[in-house]
Amino acid sequence: MSGRTNDLTDRTFAFAQRVRRFVNRLPRQPSNYEDSKQLVRSSGSVAANYIESQEGLSRKDFFYRIKVCRKEARESALWLRLLETGGDATLDSERHALAQEAGELKRIFSSIAGKDDTG
């Protein structure tokens, strides 16, 4: 189990890191400014809340953090869809890859949250 925990810790960290690199290459447009700030926050929150879930004080706290991870991954996918790439094919491709990763993380956290029998 600890191997999986480390894999997901690394994966959520890598997602947040890739998002930051992507955002730094976006065209400077007013709409991108606010949307990219939201994306940076939500992607980082996926990683931070997953780490917090591993230090949970209780089973209830663990599942709460996992549900926050799921919400933040879903939110990250929204912000990715809203960002303007200026028609840059490389940025479009990276945005698509990041949106796929956000969706996969959401599904992983949904699966974990589905095991919640705490109510």
C-alpha atoms as a PDB file:
ATOM      1  CA  MET A   1       0.000   0.000   0.000  1.00  0.00           C
ATOM      2  CA  SER A   2       2.799   2.475   0.791  1.00  0.00           C
ATOM      3  CA  GLY A   3       4.119   2.103  -2.765  1.00  0.00           C
ATOM      4  CA  ARG A   4       0.778   3.245  -4.111  1.00  0.00           C
ATOM      5  CA  THR A   5       0.707   6.121  -1.634  1.00  0.00           C
ATOM      6  CA  ASN A   6       4.121   7.315  -2.809  1.00  0.00           C
ATOM      7  CA  ASP A   7       3.085   6.913  -6.456  1.00  0.00           C
ATOM      8  CA  LEU A   8       0.005   9.073  -5.942  1.00  0.00           C
ATOM      9  CA  THR A   9       1.978  11.585  -3.889  1.00  0.00           C
ATOM     10  CA  ASP A  10       4.511  11.838  -6.724  1.00  0.00           C
ATOM     11  CA  ARG A  11       1.793  11.927  -9.376  1.00  0.00           C
ATOM     12  CA  THR A  12      -0.163  14.756  -7.755  1.00  0.00           C
ATOM     13  CA  PHE A  13       3.062  16.699  -7.218  1.00  0.00           C
ATOM     14  CA  ALA A  14       4.090  16.173 -10.855  1.00  0.00           C
ATOM     15  CA  PHE A  15       0.652  17.352 -12.000  1.00  0.00           C
ATOM     16  CA  ALA A  16       0.965  20.587 -10.014  1.00  0.00           C
ATOM     17  CA  GLN A  17       4.499  21.092 -11.318  1.00  0.00           C
ATOM     18  CA  ARG A  18       3.481  20.500 -14.962  1.00  0.00           C
ATOM     19  CA  VAL A  19       0.605  22.949 -14.542  1.00  0.00           C
ATOM     20  CA  ARG A  20       3.008  25.640 -13.361  1.00  0.00           C
ATOM     21  CA  ARG A  21       5.327  25.108 -16.318  1.00  0.00           C
ATOM     22  CA  PHE A  22       2.339  25.223 -18.686  1.00  0.00           C
ATOM     23  CA  VAL A  23       0.930  28.421 -17.150  1.00  0.00           C
ATOM     24  CA  ASN A  24       4.301  30.158 -17.446  1.00  0.00           C
ATOM     25  CA  ARG A  25       4.216  29.642 -21.226  1.00  0.00           C
ATOM     26  CA  LEU A  26       0.675  30.924 -21.816  1.00  0.00           C
ATOM     27  CA  PRO A  27       0.005  34.124 -23.767  1.00  0.00           C
ATOM     28  CA  ARG A  28      -0.325  37.166 -21.528  1.00  0.00           C
ATOM     29  CA  GLN A  29      -4.031  37.926 -21.778  1.00  0.00           C
ATOM     30  CA  PRO A  30      -6.351  39.407 -19.149  1.00  0.00           C
ATOM     31  CA  SER A  31      -8.564  36.300 -19.001  1.00  0.00           C
ATOM     32  CA  ASN A  32      -5.563  33.989 -18.704  1.00  0.00           C
ATOM     33  CA  TYR A  33      -4.265  35.945 -15.744  1.00  0.00           C
ATOM     34  CA  GLU A  34      -7.197  35.126 -13.448  1.00  0.00           C
ATOM     35  CA  ASP A  35      -7.899  31.645 -14.832  1.00  0.00           C
ATOM     36  CA  SER A  36      -4.263  30.605 -14.569  1.00  0.00           C
ATOM     37  CA  LYS A  37      -4.111  31.790 -10.939  1.00  0.00           C
ATOM     38  CA  GLN A  38      -7.127  29.611 -10.191  1.00  0.00           C
ATOM     39  CA  LEU A  39      -5.552  26.669 -12.029  1.00  0.00           C
ATOM     40  CA  VAL A  40      -2.286  26.984 -10.112  1.00  0.00           C
ATOM     41  CA  ARG A  41      -4.224  27.040  -6.834  1.00  0.00           C
ATOM     42  CA  SER A  42      -6.469  24.081  -7.614  1.00  0.00           C
ATOM     43  CA  SER A  43      -3.672  21.895  -9.012  1.00  0.00           C
ATOM     44  CA  GLY A  44      -1.512  22.580  -5.975  1.00  0.00           C
ATOM     45  CA  SER A  45      -4.460  21.875  -3.722  1.00  0.00           C
ATOM     46  CA  VAL A  46      -4.828  18.386  -5.211  1.00  0.00           C
ATOM     47  CA  ALA A  47      -1.265  17.575  -4.140  1.00  0.00           C
ATOM     48  CA  ALA A  48      -1.451  19.347  -0.782  1.00  0.00           C
ATOM     49  CA  ASN A  49      -4.721  17.731   0.237  1.00  0.00           C
ATOM     50  CA  TYR A  50      -3.486  14.300  -0.777  1.00  0.00           C
ATOM     51  CA  ILE A  51      -0.450  14.747   1.472  1.00  0.00           C
ATOM     52  CA  GLU A  52      -2.771  15.918   4.251  1.00  0.00           C
ATOM     53  CA  SER A  53      -4.975  12.851   3.757  1.00  0.00           C
ATOM     54  CA  GLN A  54      -1.978  10.654   4.529  1.00  0.00           C
ATOM     55  CA  GLU A  55      -1.578  12.412   7.870  1.00  0.00           C
ATOM     56  CA  GLY A  56      -5.294  12.309   8.623  1.00  0.00           C
ATOM     57  CA  LEU A  57      -6.317  12.320  12.229  1.00  0.00           C
ATOM     58  CA  SER A  58      -9.199   9.974  11.557  1.00  0.00           C
ATOM     59  CA  ARG A  59     -10.860   7.919   8.851  1.00  0.00           C
ATOM     60  CA  LYS A  60     -13.421  10.694   8.446  1.00  0.00           C
ATOM     61  CA  ASP A  61     -10.639  13.259   7.945  1.00  0.00           C
ATOM     62  CA  PHE A  62      -8.958  10.996   5.367  1.00  0.00           C
ATOM     63  CA  PHE A  63     -12.113  10.744   3.265  1.00  0.00           C
ATOM     64  CA  TYR A  64     -12.801  14.461   3.616  1.00  0.00           C
ATOM     65  CA  ARG A  65      -9.331  15.248   2.186  1.00  0.00           C
ATOM     66  CA  ILE A  66      -9.795  12.712  -0.620  1.00  0.00           C
ATOM     67  CA  LYS A  67     -13.089  14.383  -1.551  1.00  0.00           C
ATOM     68  CA  VAL A  68     -11.360  17.765  -1.570  1.00  0.00           C
ATOM     69  CA  CYS A  69      -8.716  16.276  -3.904  1.00  0.00           C
ATOM     70  CA  ARG A  70     -11.478  15.092  -6.224  1.00  0.00           C
ATOM     71  CA  LYS A  71     -13.139  18.519  -6.210  1.00  0.00           C
ATOM     72  CA  GLU A  72      -9.866  20.313  -6.908  1.00  0.00           C
ATOM     73  CA  ALA A  73      -8.975  17.933  -9.761  1.00  0.00           C
ATOM     74  CA  ARG A  74     -12.388  18.590 -11.329  1.00  0.00           C
ATOM     75  CA  GLU A  75     -11.858  22.324 -10.875  1.00  0.00           C
ATOM     76  CA  SER A  76      -8.401  22.103 -12.478  1.00  0.00           C
ATOM     77  CA  ALA A  77      -9.977  20.521 -15.562  1.00  0.00           C
ATOM     78  CA  LEU A  78     -12.407  23.447 -15.818  1.00  0.00           C
ATOM     79  CA  TRP A  79      -9.674  26.089 -15.599  1.00  0.00           C
ATOM     80  CA  LEU A  80      -7.637  24.224 -18.207  1.00  0.00           C
ATOM     81  CA  ARG A  81     -10.584  24.313 -20.608  1.00  0.00           C
ATOM     82  CA  LEU A  82     -11.017  28.065 -20.104  1.00  0.00           C
ATOM     83  CA  LEU A  83      -7.418  29.091 -20.769  1.00  0.00           C
ATOM     84  CA  GLU A  84      -6.460  30.653 -24.106  1.00  0.00           C
ATOM     85  CA  THR A  85      -3.460  29.138 -25.834  1.00  0.00           C
ATOM     86  CA  GLY A  86      -3.460  31.589 -28.734  1.00  0.00           C
ATOM     87  CA  GLY A  87      -3.743  28.677 -31.168  1.00  0.00           C
ATOM     88  CA  ASP A  88      -0.298  27.344 -30.228  1.00  0.00           C
ATOM     89  CA  ALA A  89      -0.370  23.624 -31.091  1.00  0.00           C
ATOM     90  CA  THR A  90       2.211  22.725 -28.437  1.00  0.00           C
ATOM     91  CA  LEU A  91       0.244  24.519 -25.724  1.00  0.00           C
ATOM     92  CA  ASP A  92      -3.013  22.965 -26.977  1.00  0.00           C
ATOM     93  CA  SER A  93      -1.440  19.519 -26.755  1.00  0.00           C
ATOM     94  CA  GLU A  94      -0.095  20.133 -23.252  1.00  0.00           C
ATOM     95  CA  ARG A  95      -3.446  21.535 -22.113  1.00  0.00           C
ATOM     96  CA  HIS A  96      -5.157  18.404 -23.427  1.00  0.00           C
ATOM     97  CA  ALA A  97      -2.643  16.142 -21.637  1.00  0.00           C
ATOM     98  CA  LEU A  98      -3.083  18.063 -18.384  1.00  0.00           C
ATOM     99  CA  ALA A  99      -6.880  17.911 -18.683  1.00  0.00           C
ATOM    100  CA  GLN A 100      -6.627  14.145 -19.187  1.00  0.00           C
ATOM    101  CA  GLU A 101      -4.452  13.843 -16.096  1.00  0.00           C
ATOM    102  CA  ALA A 102      -6.913  15.960 -14.089  1.00  0.00           C
ATOM    103  CA  GLY A 103      -9.698  13.625 -15.216  1.00  0.00           C
ATOM    104  CA  GLU A 104      -7.710  10.533 -14.286  1.00  0.00           C
ATOM    105  CA  LEU A 105      -6.898  11.962 -10.865  1.00  0.00           C
ATOM    106  CA  LYS A 106     -10.575  12.795 -10.364  1.00  0.00           C
ATOM    107  CA  ARG A 107     -11.528   9.200 -11.182  1.00  0.00           C
ATOM    108  CA  ILE A 108      -8.862   7.824  -8.823  1.00  0.00           C
ATOM    109  CA  PHE A 109     -10.081  10.015  -5.971  1.00  0.00           C
ATOM    110  CA  SER A 110     -13.703   9.151  -6.776  1.00  0.00           C
ATOM    111  CA  SER A 111     -12.820   5.477  -6.493  1.00  0.00           C
ATOM    112  CA  ILE A 112     -11.132   6.019  -3.136  1.00  0.00           C
ATOM    113  CA  ALA A 113     -13.998   8.213  -1.889  1.00  0.00           C
ATOM    114  CA  GLY A 114     -16.448   5.492  -2.885  1.00  0.00           C
ATOM    115  CA  LYS A 115     -14.986   3.334  -0.120  1.00  0.00           C
ATOM    116  CA  ASP A 116     -16.148   5.831   2.490  1.00  0.00           C
ATOM    117  CA  ASP A 117     -18.565   4.177   4.860  1.00  0.00           C
ATOM    118  CA  THR A 118     -18.322   6.922   7.484  1.00  0.00           C
ATOM    119  CA  GLY A 119     -21.410   8.680   6.191  1.00  0.00           C
END
